[in-house]
Structure formats: C-alpha cells, structure tokens
Amino acid sequence: MIHNYFVYILTNVNRTVLYIGVTNDLPTRLQEHYTDSQKTKRHFTGKYNVYY
C-alpha cells in the first residue's frame, strides 16, 4: 500500500512565525487552517493570523 503525504509551511502576515505540518489530505487541512483563522481562533492559525 502506497501512502502519499504532504509537508507544508504556513506563515503569518509579518512572516515572523512559521508553522510546518504534515498531512495526507492537503486541501482539507488548508481549509481547516483557514476556518480556524477566520472563526474559532483556537489553534496556531487563529492565534498568529496565518495566510496562505
């Protein structure tokens, strides 16, 4: 069985904070980050206002 994973890097507006993540479903994971940055602000993206 072959598994595909993506390593992705996000940063904040000022480019002072980096977030490195690994996922096997990149579109879904990026949507989760976006949703957190816009609504719940409970995780990294919400706290550091990450854009991608």
N, C-alpha and C. Protein backbone atom coordinates (compact mmCIF):
# COMPACT_ATOMS: atom_id res chain seq x y z
N MET A 1 0.83 -1.18 0.00
CA MET A 1 0.00 0.00 0.00
C MET A 1 0.88 1.25 0.00
N ILE A 2 0.59 2.17 -0.90
CA ILE A 2 1.36 3.41 -1.01
C ILE A 2 0.60 4.52 -0.29
N HIS A 3 1.34 5.28 0.50
CA HIS A 3 0.77 6.41 1.20
C HIS A 3 1.42 7.68 0.69
N ASN A 4 0.61 8.69 0.42
CA ASN A 4 1.13 9.99 -0.01
C ASN A 4 0.91 11.00 1.10
N TYR A 5 1.95 11.71 1.45
CA TYR A 5 1.86 12.74 2.47
C TYR A 5 2.46 14.03 1.93
N PHE A 6 2.00 15.14 2.47
CA PHE A 6 2.49 16.45 2.09
C PHE A 6 3.08 17.14 3.31
N VAL A 7 4.21 17.77 3.13
CA VAL A 7 4.78 18.65 4.14
C VAL A 7 4.47 20.06 3.66
N TYR A 8 3.87 20.87 4.55
CA TYR A 8 3.50 22.22 4.14
C TYR A 8 3.99 23.22 5.18
N ILE A 9 4.22 24.44 4.71
CA ILE A 9 4.72 25.51 5.58
C ILE A 9 3.79 26.71 5.43
N LEU A 10 3.33 27.21 6.57
CA LEU A 10 2.50 28.42 6.60
C LEU A 10 3.22 29.48 7.41
N THR A 11 2.90 30.73 7.16
CA THR A 11 3.49 31.82 7.92
C THR A 11 2.44 32.87 8.21
N ASN A 12 2.77 33.80 9.10
CA ASN A 12 1.84 34.87 9.40
C ASN A 12 2.09 36.06 8.48
N VAL A 13 1.27 37.10 8.61
CA VAL A 13 1.36 38.26 7.73
C VAL A 13 2.75 38.90 7.79
N ASN A 14 3.32 38.99 8.97
CA ASN A 14 4.63 39.63 9.13
C ASN A 14 5.79 38.69 8.82
N ARG A 15 5.47 37.45 8.53
CA ARG A 15 6.49 36.42 8.26
C ARG A 15 7.47 36.26 9.41
N THR A 16 6.94 36.31 10.62
CA THR A 16 7.79 36.15 11.81
C THR A 16 7.59 34.80 12.48
N VAL A 17 6.56 34.07 12.08
CA VAL A 17 6.26 32.77 12.68
C VAL A 17 6.04 31.78 11.55
N LEU A 18 6.64 30.60 11.67
CA LEU A 18 6.43 29.53 10.70
C LEU A 18 5.70 28.38 11.35
N TYR A 19 4.83 27.75 10.59
CA TYR A 19 4.15 26.54 11.02
C TYR A 19 4.44 25.48 9.98
N ILE A 20 4.95 24.34 10.39
CA ILE A 20 5.25 23.24 9.49
C ILE A 20 4.34 22.08 9.87
N GLY A 21 3.65 21.54 8.89
CA GLY A 21 2.72 20.46 9.15
C GLY A 21 2.86 19.34 8.13
N VAL A 22 2.29 18.21 8.44
CA VAL A 22 2.27 17.04 7.56
C VAL A 22 0.84 16.54 7.49
N THR A 23 0.38 16.23 6.29
CA THR A 23 -0.98 15.73 6.11
C THR A 23 -1.04 14.83 4.88
N ASN A 24 -2.06 14.00 4.82
CA ASN A 24 -2.28 13.20 3.62
C ASN A 24 -3.46 13.75 2.81
N ASP A 25 -4.06 14.85 3.27
CA ASP A 25 -5.16 15.49 2.56
C ASP A 25 -4.96 17.00 2.63
N LEU A 26 -4.14 17.52 1.73
CA LEU A 26 -3.74 18.92 1.79
C LEU A 26 -4.91 19.90 1.64
N PRO A 27 -5.80 19.74 0.69
CA PRO A 27 -6.92 20.70 0.57
C PRO A 27 -7.77 20.78 1.84
N THR A 28 -8.06 19.64 2.44
CA THR A 28 -8.87 19.64 3.66
C THR A 28 -8.12 20.30 4.80
N ARG A 29 -6.85 20.02 4.93
CA ARG A 29 -6.06 20.59 6.03
C ARG A 29 -5.93 22.10 5.89
N LEU A 30 -5.72 22.59 4.68
CA LEU A 30 -5.63 24.03 4.49
C LEU A 30 -6.97 24.70 4.79
N GLN A 31 -8.06 24.04 4.45
CA GLN A 31 -9.39 24.57 4.78
C GLN A 31 -9.57 24.64 6.29
N GLU A 32 -9.09 23.64 6.99
CA GLU A 32 -9.18 23.66 8.46
C GLU A 32 -8.39 24.83 9.04
N HIS A 33 -7.20 25.08 8.51
CA HIS A 33 -6.41 26.22 8.97
C HIS A 33 -7.14 27.52 8.68
N TYR A 34 -7.68 27.63 7.49
CA TYR A 34 -8.39 28.86 7.11
C TYR A 34 -9.59 29.09 8.02
N THR A 35 -10.38 28.05 8.25
CA THR A 35 -11.56 28.17 9.11
C THR A 35 -11.16 28.62 10.51
N ASP A 36 -10.10 28.06 11.05
CA ASP A 36 -9.64 28.46 12.38
C ASP A 36 -9.20 29.91 12.39
N SER A 37 -8.54 30.35 11.34
CA SER A 37 -8.05 31.73 11.32
C SER A 37 -9.20 32.73 11.20
N GLN A 38 -10.31 32.31 10.63
CA GLN A 38 -11.44 33.21 10.43
C GLN A 38 -12.48 33.14 11.54
N LYS A 39 -12.62 31.99 12.20
CA LYS A 39 -13.72 31.80 13.13
C LYS A 39 -13.28 31.48 14.55
N THR A 40 -12.85 30.27 14.80
CA THR A 40 -12.64 29.83 16.19
C THR A 40 -11.40 30.43 16.84
N LYS A 41 -10.35 30.63 16.06
CA LYS A 41 -9.08 31.20 16.55
C LYS A 41 -8.56 30.45 17.78
N ARG A 42 -8.70 29.13 17.76
CA ARG A 42 -8.27 28.30 18.88
C ARG A 42 -6.88 27.71 18.70
N HIS A 43 -6.40 27.66 17.47
CA HIS A 43 -5.15 26.97 17.18
C HIS A 43 -4.14 27.95 16.59
N PHE A 44 -3.05 27.42 16.08
CA PHE A 44 -1.96 28.24 15.56
C PHE A 44 -2.45 29.30 14.58
N THR A 45 -3.22 28.90 13.59
CA THR A 45 -3.62 29.86 12.55
C THR A 45 -4.47 30.98 13.11
N GLY A 46 -5.33 30.67 14.03
CA GLY A 46 -6.15 31.71 14.63
C GLY A 46 -5.34 32.65 15.51
N LYS A 47 -4.38 32.11 16.21
CA LYS A 47 -3.57 32.91 17.12
C LYS A 47 -2.58 33.80 16.40
N TYR A 48 -2.04 33.30 15.29
CA TYR A 48 -0.99 34.04 14.60
C TYR A 48 -1.44 34.62 13.26
N ASN A 49 -2.74 34.54 12.95
CA ASN A 49 -3.29 35.17 11.76
C ASN A 49 -2.56 34.73 10.50
N VAL A 50 -2.51 33.45 10.26
CA VAL A 50 -1.77 32.87 9.15
C VAL A 50 -2.55 33.02 7.85
N TYR A 51 -1.85 33.36 6.81
CA TYR A 51 -2.42 33.41 5.46
C TYR A 51 -1.63 32.46 4.59
N TYR A 52 -2.26 31.91 3.57
CA TYR A 52 -1.58 31.02 2.64
C TYR A 52 -2.06 31.27 1.25
